[in-house]
Amino acid sequence: MRYLWSPWRLDYIISTTKHTSGCVFCNKIAVGKDEEELILVRGQYAFVAMNLYPYNNGHLLVIPYQHVPTLEALPSEALLEIAQLVNQSMATLRQVMNPDGFNVGVNIGREAGAGISAHVHVHVVPRWAADSNFISVIAQTRNIPETLPHTYKRLRAAWPGKPWAATHDPTTTGKL
């Protein structure tokens, strides 16, 4: 048996295994510490955050503030903003990480693969021609070559328009 040693990941593992009550996404936006929570941008109806369990480097999530399990439950304004944030996410990832393509998708319901099925969200996953290899398939291991805080800083610095003056008040989380 071979071992892959990555002791620098211990801080990440400890920080992501804290159990809290409630929805992880609703809790994330309520904290108000965007860099700590890896929130790249807040819109009026949705926000973009880095995935704490990424499939690939730069894996982003576009998440509505409204806590609903499916896209059909969102108002058209929220759907439009989510689509715009997906586009901004891809543009920023192209500029910073130069991917060859993207997987963009929504898993609605646990049976469809949603890990957090109660709060709908869109995955934006950058892909590179040589990013798939045997280790994910046979060892159930992902190789993420850059720390999440480092990726966060690079993406946030390059975000289009740098809209840091949030239009969403975190004290009204989930209320439209």
Foldseek 3Di string as FASTA:
>chain_A
DDDDDDVVCPVLVVVVPDDDDDDPVLVLLLVVPCLVSQWQAAEAFWTKGADSDDLEALKIKIFGLAFAQDPVPDDPVNVVVSVVVLVLSVVLCCVQPVAPDWDKAWQADVVSPDPRRRTTIIITGGHHPPLDDCCCVPVVDHDYPDDSSVSSVSSSVRGPPNPHVYPYDSVQGNHD
